C-alpha atoms as a PDB file:
ATOM      1  CA  UNK A   1      11.156 -20.613  -4.737  1.00  0.00           C
ATOM      2  CA  UNK A   2      11.067 -20.772  -1.119  1.00  0.00           C
ATOM      3  CA  UNK A   3       6.976 -21.430  -1.657  1.00  0.00           C
ATOM      4  CA  UNK A   4       8.234 -24.427  -3.370  1.00  0.00           C
ATOM      5  CA  UNK A   5      10.818 -25.833  -1.189  1.00  0.00           C
ATOM      6  CA  UNK A   6       8.053 -25.667   2.035  1.00  0.00           C
ATOM      7  CA  UNK A   7       5.649 -27.363  -0.257  1.00  0.00           C
ATOM      8  CA  UNK A   8       7.987 -30.413  -0.817  1.00  0.00           C
ATOM      9  CA  UNK A   9       8.917 -30.243   2.888  1.00  0.00           C
ATOM     10  CA  UNK A  10       5.494 -30.424   4.374  1.00  0.00           C
ATOM     11  CA  UNK A  11       3.914 -32.451   1.661  1.00  0.00           C
ATOM     12  CA  UNK A  12       5.950 -35.303   0.950  1.00  0.00           C
ATOM     13  CA  UNK A  13       6.441 -36.412   4.585  1.00  0.00           C
ATOM     14  CA  UNK A  14       2.659 -36.289   4.791  1.00  0.00           C
ATOM     15  CA  UNK A  15       2.177 -38.725   1.910  1.00  0.00           C
ATOM     16  CA  UNK A  16       5.017 -41.088   3.179  1.00  0.00           C
ATOM     17  CA  UNK A  17       3.349 -41.043   6.519  1.00  0.00           C
ATOM     18  CA  UNK A  18      -0.253 -41.488   5.734  1.00  0.00           C
ATOM     19  CA  UNK A  19      -2.324 -44.865   5.535  1.00  0.00           C
ATOM     20  CA  UNK A  20      -3.803 -45.407   2.657  1.00  0.00           C
ATOM     21  CA  UNK A  21      -6.714 -47.632   1.375  1.00  0.00           C
ATOM     22  CA  UNK A  22      -7.563 -46.674  -2.248  1.00  0.00           C
ATOM     23  CA  UNK A  23      -4.636 -45.404  -4.737  1.00  0.00           C
ATOM     24  CA  UNK A  24      -5.577 -44.839  -8.120  1.00  0.00           C
ATOM     25  CA  UNK A  25      -5.290 -42.429 -11.352  1.00  0.00           C
ATOM     26  CA  UNK A  26      -8.067 -40.223 -12.505  1.00  0.00           C
ATOM     27  CA  UNK A  27      -8.095 -38.933 -15.917  1.00  0.00           C
ATOM     28  CA  UNK A  28      -9.007 -35.026 -16.295  1.00  0.00           C
ATOM     29  CA  UNK A  29     -10.191 -33.191 -19.599  1.00  0.00           C
ATOM     30  CA  UNK A  30     -12.479 -30.229 -19.785  1.00  0.00           C
ATOM     31  CA  UNK A  31     -12.728 -26.619 -20.289  1.00  0.00           C
ATOM     32  CA  UNK A  32     -11.096 -23.456 -18.621  1.00  0.00           C
ATOM     33  CA  UNK A  33     -13.076 -20.381 -18.212  1.00  0.00           C
ATOM     34  CA  UNK A  34     -11.913 -16.748 -17.803  1.00  0.00           C
ATOM     35  CA  UNK A  35     -14.279 -14.982 -15.300  1.00  0.00           C
ATOM     36  CA  UNK A  36     -14.356 -11.158 -14.506  1.00  0.00           C
ATOM     37  CA  UNK A  37     -10.741 -10.416 -13.499  1.00  0.00           C
ATOM     38  CA  UNK A  38      -9.783  -6.726 -13.268  1.00  0.00           C
ATOM     39  CA  UNK A  39      -8.796  -4.697 -16.255  1.00  0.00           C
ATOM     40  CA  UNK A  40      -5.247  -3.118 -16.746  1.00  0.00           C
ATOM     41  CA  UNK A  41      -4.625   0.361 -15.179  1.00  0.00           C
ATOM     42  CA  UNK A  42      -3.240   3.405 -17.824  1.00  0.00           C
ATOM     43  CA  UNK A  43       0.177   2.524 -18.873  1.00  0.00           C
ATOM     44  CA  UNK A  44       1.804   5.682 -20.033  1.00  0.00           C
ATOM     45  CA  UNK A  45       4.325   3.738 -22.367  1.00  0.00           C
ATOM     46  CA  UNK A  46       1.317   1.541 -24.184  1.00  0.00           C
ATOM     47  CA  UNK A  47       1.775   2.608 -27.988  1.00  0.00           C
ATOM     48  CA  UNK A  48       0.694   1.185 -31.042  1.00  0.00           C
ATOM     49  CA  UNK A  49       1.031   1.996 -34.501  1.00  0.00           C
ATOM     50  CA  UNK A  50      -2.376   3.364 -36.170  1.00  0.00           C
ATOM     51  CA  UNK A  51      -3.318   4.924 -39.444  1.00  0.00           C
ATOM     52  CA  UNK A  52      -1.719   8.579 -37.619  1.00  0.00           C
ATOM     53  CA  UNK A  53       1.292   6.834 -36.619  1.00  0.00           C
ATOM     54  CA  UNK A  54       2.299   5.483 -32.786  1.00  0.00           C
ATOM     55  CA  UNK A  55      -0.452   6.618 -30.633  1.00  0.00           C
ATOM     56  CA  UNK A  56      -0.612   6.095 -26.733  1.00  0.00           C
ATOM     57  CA  UNK A  57      -3.479   3.406 -25.837  1.00  0.00           C
ATOM     58  CA  UNK A  58      -5.355   3.481 -22.500  1.00  0.00           C
ATOM     59  CA  UNK A  59      -8.028   0.871 -21.074  1.00  0.00           C
ATOM     60  CA  UNK A  60     -11.277   1.031 -22.288  1.00  0.00           C
ATOM     61  CA  UNK A  61     -13.470   1.819 -19.086  1.00  0.00           C
ATOM     62  CA  UNK A  62     -16.563   0.721 -20.473  1.00  0.00           C
ATOM     63  CA  UNK A  63     -15.200  -2.676 -21.373  1.00  0.00           C
ATOM     64  CA  UNK A  64     -16.773  -5.679 -19.708  1.00  0.00           C
ATOM     65  CA  UNK A  65     -13.855  -8.381 -20.108  1.00  0.00           C
ATOM     66  CA  UNK A  66     -14.618 -11.000 -23.055  1.00  0.00           C
ATOM     67  CA  UNK A  67     -15.348 -14.590 -22.015  1.00  0.00           C
ATOM     68  CA  UNK A  68     -12.065 -16.362 -22.941  1.00  0.00           C
ATOM     69  CA  UNK A  69     -12.192 -19.819 -23.576  1.00  0.00           C
ATOM     70  CA  UNK A  70      -9.151 -22.474 -22.799  1.00  0.00           C
ATOM     71  CA  UNK A  71      -8.813 -26.155 -21.949  1.00  0.00           C
ATOM     72  CA  UNK A  72      -6.897 -28.740 -19.682  1.00  0.00           C
ATOM     73  CA  UNK A  73      -5.715 -31.941 -19.859  1.00  0.00           C
ATOM     74  CA  UNK A  74      -4.019 -34.327 -17.393  1.00  0.00           C
ATOM     75  CA  UNK A  75      -4.270 -36.816 -14.744  1.00  0.00           C
ATOM     76  CA  UNK A  76      -4.176 -36.606 -11.004  1.00  0.00           C
ATOM     77  CA  UNK A  77      -3.022 -39.533  -8.614  1.00  0.00           C
ATOM     78  CA  UNK A  78      -5.335 -40.185  -5.630  1.00  0.00           C
ATOM     79  CA  UNK A  79      -4.090 -41.301  -1.882  1.00  0.00           C
ATOM     80  CA  UNK A  80      -7.349 -41.777   0.460  1.00  0.00           C
ATOM     81  CA  UNK A  81      -7.094 -42.531   3.741  1.00  0.00           C
ATOM     82  CA  UNK A  82      -8.364 -45.732   5.342  1.00  0.00           C
ATOM     83  CA  UNK A  83     -11.755 -44.062   6.445  1.00  0.00           C
ATOM     84  CA  UNK A  84     -12.745 -43.198   3.096  1.00  0.00           C
ATOM     85  CA  UNK A  85     -13.408 -39.428   4.392  1.00  0.00           C
ATOM     86  CA  UNK A  86     -10.014 -37.600   3.138  1.00  0.00           C
ATOM     87  CA  UNK A  87      -7.414 -37.985   0.781  1.00  0.00           C
ATOM     88  CA  UNK A  88      -4.228 -36.111  -0.753  1.00  0.00           C
ATOM     89  CA  UNK A  89      -4.334 -35.517  -4.538  1.00  0.00           C
ATOM     90  CA  UNK A  90      -1.196 -34.603  -6.504  1.00  0.00           C
ATOM     91  CA  UNK A  91      -1.217 -34.502 -10.542  1.00  0.00           C
ATOM     92  CA  UNK A  92       0.237 -33.426 -13.923  1.00  0.00           C
ATOM     93  CA  UNK A  93      -1.964 -31.236 -16.395  1.00  0.00           C
ATOM     94  CA  UNK A  94      -1.710 -29.095 -19.398  1.00  0.00           C
ATOM     95  CA  UNK A  95      -3.427 -25.747 -19.460  1.00  0.00           C
ATOM     96  CA  UNK A  96      -4.346 -23.404 -21.574  1.00  0.00           C
ATOM     97  CA  UNK A  97      -6.152 -20.068 -20.362  1.00  0.00           C
ATOM     98  CA  UNK A  98      -6.307 -16.506 -21.237  1.00  0.00           C
ATOM     99  CA  UNK A  99      -7.328 -13.027 -20.195  1.00  0.00           C
ATOM    100  CA  UNK A 100      -8.748  -9.999 -22.721  1.00  0.00           C
ATOM    101  CA  UNK A 101      -8.237  -5.980 -22.377  1.00  0.00           C
ATOM    102  CA  UNK A 102      -9.954  -3.434 -24.542  1.00  0.00           C
ATOM    103  CA  UNK A 103      -7.755  -0.560 -25.271  1.00  0.00           C
ATOM    104  CA  UNK A 104      -8.678   3.356 -26.824  1.00  0.00           C
ATOM    105  CA  UNK A 105      -6.672   5.990 -28.271  1.00  0.00           C
ATOM    106  CA  UNK A 106      -6.728   9.356 -26.407  1.00  0.00           C
ATOM    107  CA  UNK A 107      -8.870  10.582 -29.158  1.00  0.00           C
ATOM    108  CA  UNK A 108     -11.222   7.697 -28.831  1.00  0.00           C
ATOM    109  CA  UNK A 109     -10.581   6.997 -32.488  1.00  0.00           C
ATOM    110  CA  UNK A 110      -8.752   3.771 -32.290  1.00  0.00           C
ATOM    111  CA  UNK A 111      -9.390   0.866 -30.580  1.00  0.00           C
ATOM    112  CA  UNK A 112      -7.595  -2.778 -29.886  1.00  0.00           C
ATOM    113  CA  UNK A 113      -8.820  -5.776 -28.241  1.00  0.00           C
ATOM    114  CA  UNK A 114      -5.968  -7.904 -27.059  1.00  0.00           C
ATOM    115  CA  UNK A 115      -6.295 -11.515 -25.815  1.00  0.00           C
ATOM    116  CA  UNK A 116      -3.239 -13.260 -23.892  1.00  0.00           C
ATOM    117  CA  UNK A 117      -3.496 -16.950 -23.709  1.00  0.00           C
ATOM    118  CA  UNK A 118      -0.886 -18.977 -21.702  1.00  0.00           C
ATOM    119  CA  UNK A 119       0.376 -22.619 -21.872  1.00  0.00           C
ATOM    120  CA  UNK A 120       1.457 -24.284 -19.034  1.00  0.00           C
ATOM    121  CA  UNK A 121       2.177 -27.582 -17.670  1.00  0.00           C
ATOM    122  CA  UNK A 122       0.820 -27.792 -14.144  1.00  0.00           C
ATOM    123  CA  UNK A 123       1.334 -29.477 -10.894  1.00  0.00           C
ATOM    124  CA  UNK A 124      -1.780 -29.443  -8.552  1.00  0.00           C
ATOM    125  CA  UNK A 125      -2.079 -30.589  -4.973  1.00  0.00           C
ATOM    126  CA  UNK A 126      -4.793 -30.498  -2.832  1.00  0.00           C
ATOM    127  CA  UNK A 127      -6.693 -32.346  -0.205  1.00  0.00           C
ATOM    128  CA  UNK A 128     -10.067 -33.745  -0.577  1.00  0.00           C
ATOM    129  CA  UNK A 129     -13.008 -34.376   2.315  1.00  0.00           C
ATOM    130  CA  UNK A 130     -16.256 -36.266   2.127  1.00  0.00           C
ATOM    131  CA  UNK A 131     -18.264 -39.103   2.967  1.00  0.00           C
ATOM    132  CA  UNK A 132     -17.229 -42.610   1.416  1.00  0.00           C
ATOM    133  CA  UNK A 133     -15.429 -40.691  -0.892  1.00  0.00           C
ATOM    134  CA  UNK A 134     -14.425 -43.653  -3.043  1.00  0.00           C
ATOM    135  CA  UNK A 135     -17.633 -45.365  -3.406  1.00  0.00           C
ATOM    136  CA  UNK A 136     -19.750 -41.916  -3.847  1.00  0.00           C
ATOM    137  CA  UNK A 137     -16.830 -40.044  -5.566  1.00  0.00           C
ATOM    138  CA  UNK A 138     -18.402 -36.938  -4.151  1.00  0.00           C
ATOM    139  CA  UNK A 139     -16.292 -34.378  -2.217  1.00  0.00           C
ATOM    140  CA  UNK A 140     -15.152 -30.986  -2.141  1.00  0.00           C
ATOM    141  CA  UNK A 141     -11.172 -30.409  -2.164  1.00  0.00           C
ATOM    142  CA  UNK A 142      -8.819 -27.226  -1.804  1.00  0.00           C
ATOM    143  CA  UNK A 143      -5.073 -26.844  -2.486  1.00  0.00           C
ATOM    144  CA  UNK A 144      -2.792 -25.181  -4.884  1.00  0.00           C
ATOM    145  CA  UNK A 145      -0.946 -25.494  -8.353  1.00  0.00           C
ATOM    146  CA  UNK A 146       2.334 -24.944  -9.807  1.00  0.00           C
ATOM    147  CA  UNK A 147       2.392 -23.713 -13.305  1.00  0.00           C
ATOM    148  CA  UNK A 148       5.513 -24.070 -15.618  1.00  0.00           C
ATOM    149  CA  UNK A 149       4.544 -21.378 -18.536  1.00  0.00           C
ATOM    150  CA  UNK A 150       6.271 -22.414 -21.727  1.00  0.00           C
ATOM    151  CA  UNK A 151       4.283 -20.135 -24.377  1.00  0.00           C
ATOM    152  CA  UNK A 152       1.923 -17.025 -24.728  1.00  0.00           C
ATOM    153  CA  UNK A 153      -0.343 -16.580 -27.524  1.00  0.00           C
ATOM    154  CA  UNK A 154      -1.382 -13.175 -28.223  1.00  0.00           C
ATOM    155  CA  UNK A 155      -4.363 -12.055 -30.674  1.00  0.00           C
ATOM    156  CA  UNK A 156      -4.887  -8.595 -31.409  1.00  0.00           C
ATOM    157  CA  UNK A 157      -7.978  -6.972 -32.970  1.00  0.00           C
ATOM    158  CA  UNK A 158      -7.907  -3.380 -34.084  1.00  0.00           C
ATOM    159  CA  UNK A 159     -10.900  -1.352 -35.657  1.00  0.00           C
ATOM    160  CA  UNK A 160      -8.889  -0.201 -38.646  1.00  0.00           C
ATOM    161  CA  UNK A 161      -7.610  -3.176 -40.165  1.00  0.00           C
ATOM    162  CA  UNK A 162      -9.590  -6.210 -40.668  1.00  0.00           C
ATOM    163  CA  UNK A 163      -7.176  -8.875 -40.354  1.00  0.00           C
ATOM    164  CA  UNK A 164      -6.423 -10.343 -36.887  1.00  0.00           C
ATOM    165  CA  UNK A 165      -2.796  -9.952 -35.379  1.00  0.00           C
ATOM    166  CA  UNK A 166      -1.795 -13.289 -33.791  1.00  0.00           C
ATOM    167  CA  UNK A 167       1.980 -13.961 -31.940  1.00  0.00           C
ATOM    168  CA  UNK A 168       3.336 -16.886 -30.133  1.00  0.00           C
ATOM    169  CA  UNK A 169       6.225 -16.279 -27.756  1.00  0.00           C
ATOM    170  CA  UNK A 170       8.374 -18.757 -25.738  1.00  0.00           C
ATOM    171  CA  UNK A 171       9.841 -16.003 -23.653  1.00  0.00           C
ATOM    172  CA  UNK A 172      10.132 -12.435 -22.424  1.00  0.00           C
ATOM    173  CA  UNK A 173       6.480 -11.504 -22.316  1.00  0.00           C
ATOM    174  CA  UNK A 174       5.429 -13.739 -19.838  1.00  0.00           C
ATOM    175  CA  UNK A 175       6.698 -15.214 -16.324  1.00  0.00           C
ATOM    176  CA  UNK A 176       8.510 -18.460 -16.321  1.00  0.00           C
ATOM    177  CA  UNK A 177       6.226 -19.872 -13.413  1.00  0.00           C
ATOM    178  CA  UNK A 178       3.340 -18.761 -10.951  1.00  0.00           C
ATOM    179  CA  UNK A 179       1.562 -20.459  -8.454  1.00  0.00           C
ATOM    180  CA  UNK A 180      -2.358 -20.275  -7.983  1.00  0.00           C
ATOM    181  CA  UNK A 181      -4.977 -21.738  -5.213  1.00  0.00           C
ATOM    182  CA  UNK A 182      -7.656 -23.838  -6.063  1.00  0.00           C
ATOM    183  CA  UNK A 183     -11.099 -24.944  -4.680  1.00  0.00           C
ATOM    184  CA  UNK A 184     -13.782 -26.964  -6.028  1.00  0.00           C
ATOM    185  CA  UNK A 185     -16.547 -30.091  -5.721  1.00  0.00           C
ATOM    186  CA  UNK A 186     -16.326 -33.569  -7.838  1.00  0.00           C
ATOM    187  CA  UNK A 187     -19.603 -35.089  -8.279  1.00  0.00           C
ATOM    188  CA  UNK A 188     -19.395 -38.583  -9.899  1.00  0.00           C
ATOM    189  CA  UNK A 189     -17.065 -37.781 -13.285  1.00  0.00           C
ATOM    190  CA  UNK A 190     -18.086 -34.043 -13.438  1.00  0.00           C
ATOM    191  CA  UNK A 191     -15.464 -31.818 -11.669  1.00  0.00           C
ATOM    192  CA  UNK A 192     -15.632 -27.736 -11.051  1.00  0.00           C
ATOM    193  CA  UNK A 193     -12.797 -26.372  -9.806  1.00  0.00           C
ATOM    194  CA  UNK A 194     -12.137 -22.583  -9.296  1.00  0.00           C
ATOM    195  CA  UNK A 195      -8.656 -21.170  -9.694  1.00  0.00           C
ATOM    196  CA  UNK A 196      -6.887 -17.960  -8.285  1.00  0.00           C
ATOM    197  CA  UNK A 197      -3.707 -16.656  -9.189  1.00  0.00           C
ATOM    198  CA  UNK A 198      -2.469 -13.491  -6.842  1.00  0.00           C
ATOM    199  CA  UNK A 199      -0.016 -12.620 -10.031  1.00  0.00           C
ATOM    200  CA  UNK A 200      -0.338 -12.211 -13.649  1.00  0.00           C
ATOM    201  CA  UNK A 201       1.435 -14.679 -16.083  1.00  0.00           C
ATOM    202  CA  UNK A 202       2.300 -11.638 -18.095  1.00  0.00           C
ATOM    203  CA  UNK A 203       5.790  -9.850 -17.219  1.00  0.00           C
ATOM    204  CA  UNK A 204       5.463  -6.698 -16.073  1.00  0.00           C
ATOM    205  CA  UNK A 205       9.069  -5.843 -16.267  1.00  0.00           C
ATOM    206  CA  UNK A 206       9.305  -6.868 -20.211  1.00  0.00           C
ATOM    207  CA  UNK A 207      10.485  -3.563 -22.213  1.00  0.00           C
ATOM    208  CA  UNK A 208      10.782  -2.573 -25.986  1.00  0.00           C
ATOM    209  CA  UNK A 209      11.994   0.399 -27.743  1.00  0.00           C
ATOM    210  CA  UNK A 210       9.412   2.613 -29.554  1.00  0.00           C
ATOM    211  CA  UNK A 211      11.693   5.145 -30.463  1.00  0.00           C
ATOM    212  CA  UNK A 212      14.685   4.942 -32.816  1.00  0.00           C
ATOM    213  CA  UNK A 213      17.918   3.506 -32.809  1.00  0.00           C
ATOM    214  CA  UNK A 214      19.534   6.813 -31.836  1.00  0.00           C
ATOM    215  CA  UNK A 215      16.523   8.227 -29.883  1.00  0.00           C
ATOM    216  CA  UNK A 216      15.487   5.316 -27.827  1.00  0.00           C
ATOM    217  CA  UNK A 217      12.207   5.181 -25.416  1.00  0.00           C
ATOM    218  CA  UNK A 218      11.895   2.472 -23.975  1.00  0.00           C
ATOM    219  CA  UNK A 219       8.043   0.924 -23.127  1.00  0.00           C
ATOM    220  CA  UNK A 220       6.954  -1.312 -20.782  1.00  0.00           C
ATOM    221  CA  UNK A 221       3.605  -2.428 -22.001  1.00  0.00           C
ATOM    222  CA  UNK A 222       2.515  -4.908 -19.273  1.00  0.00           C
ATOM    223  CA  UNK A 223       3.532  -2.954 -16.107  1.00  0.00           C
ATOM    224  CA  UNK A 224       0.156  -2.136 -15.182  1.00  0.00           C
ATOM    225  CA  UNK A 225      -1.485  -5.506 -16.109  1.00  0.00           C
ATOM    226  CA  UNK A 226      -3.884  -6.597 -13.186  1.00  0.00           C
ATOM    227  CA  UNK A 227      -3.176  -9.583 -10.744  1.00  0.00           C
ATOM    228  CA  UNK A 228      -5.931 -11.136  -8.812  1.00  0.00           C
ATOM    229  CA  UNK A 229      -6.873 -13.716 -12.052  1.00  0.00           C
ATOM    230  CA  UNK A 230      -9.796 -15.948 -11.690  1.00  0.00           C
ATOM    231  CA  UNK A 231     -10.616 -19.004 -13.865  1.00  0.00           C
ATOM    232  CA  UNK A 232     -13.310 -21.928 -13.640  1.00  0.00           C
ATOM    233  CA  UNK A 233     -12.579 -25.346 -15.032  1.00  0.00           C
ATOM    234  CA  UNK A 234     -15.413 -27.831 -15.911  1.00  0.00           C
ATOM    235  CA  UNK A 235     -14.157 -31.053 -16.617  1.00  0.00           C
ATOM    236  CA  UNK A 236     -15.083 -34.742 -17.064  1.00  0.00           C
ATOM    237  CA  UNK A 237     -13.291 -36.612 -14.203  1.00  0.00           C
ATOM    238  CA  UNK A 238     -12.865 -40.361 -14.557  1.00  0.00           C
ATOM    239  CA  UNK A 239     -10.996 -42.626 -12.211  1.00  0.00           C
ATOM    240  CA  UNK A 240      -9.168 -45.476 -13.516  1.00  0.00           C
ATOM    241  CA  UNK A 241      -9.982 -48.041 -11.139  1.00  0.00           C
ATOM    242  CA  UNK A 242     -12.398 -51.059  -9.894  1.00  0.00           C
ATOM    243  CA  UNK A 243     -15.156 -47.889  -9.476  1.00  0.00           C
ATOM    244  CA  UNK A 244     -15.188 -47.202 -13.203  1.00  0.00           C
ATOM    245  CA  UNK A 245     -14.994 -50.507 -14.125  1.00  0.00           C
ATOM    246  CA  UNK A 246     -17.914 -51.539 -12.819  1.00  0.00           C
ATOM    247  CA  UNK A 247     -20.169 -50.181 -15.387  1.00  0.00           C
ATOM    248  CA  UNK A 248     -23.720 -51.279 -13.722  1.00  0.00           C
ATOM    249  CA  UNK A 249     -22.586 -49.616 -10.364  1.00  0.00           C
ATOM    250  CA  UNK A 250     -21.645 -46.578 -12.209  1.00  0.00           C
ATOM    251  CA  UNK A 251     -24.640 -46.221 -14.391  1.00  0.00           C
ATOM    252  CA  UNK A 252     -27.359 -46.791 -11.336  1.00  0.00           C
ATOM    253  CA  UNK A 253     -25.202 -44.404  -9.144  1.00  0.00           C
ATOM    254  CA  UNK A 254     -25.437 -41.831 -12.029  1.00  0.00           C
ATOM    255  CA  UNK A 255     -29.151 -42.540 -12.564  1.00  0.00           C
ATOM    256  CA  UNK A 256     -30.123 -42.583  -8.920  1.00  0.00           C
ATOM    257  CA  UNK A 257     -28.343 -39.164  -7.915  1.00  0.00           C
ATOM    258  CA  UNK A 258     -29.734 -37.511 -10.913  1.00  0.00           C
ATOM    259  CA  UNK A 259     -33.602 -38.183 -10.061  1.00  0.00           C
END
């Protein structure tokens, strides 16, 4: 919460005191790609019901994280400086992004592939730098995003049952919000953004009973989930401004730059 308060104390006055030349919306839609984030550490309380009853599972050390696709859609509002070399951007986006991990039983007989996808309302804020930013729509940017998480889909695939198990939760399994950092580059209507989250979106303090009502044994399945998550966004980034409506200029720029 302190980070959020500090953000508004510093960021909002900067917007109000700046001198602007171009103010415009940009629509954003594209894909989220899960990159090679670390795998979970062994967890003494991670159990799964198998053909031989409850068994403890440990991460499969040989597993390379699966590619987990996601998507995002939203809009940003751009405040460009008069010199057309820098600007400040704030936005609102819907994010769907996921991570995966593979587990094995201690006797290596049973295996579980688990995928988590979090749904979030994201508020990005960043600065952009370039040369003739508005005319060329070519710039680098860096900043942060604050995510409000409202739903988690967990998909589990096991090798002893053909059917895939899917569960959607609106509480308990994930944290209500998290902060990430971003850096990227924009080229005409093509936007590439790298996101880094220092903390996982799974709730490491979540517990449930794997024993009986009389003899409880509280498991904490996400306590060893890794932090430092990485995602790549690839998007179409379309300005709602005179830059876009001038189609001949727009087309000529794309052809000229791609030659």
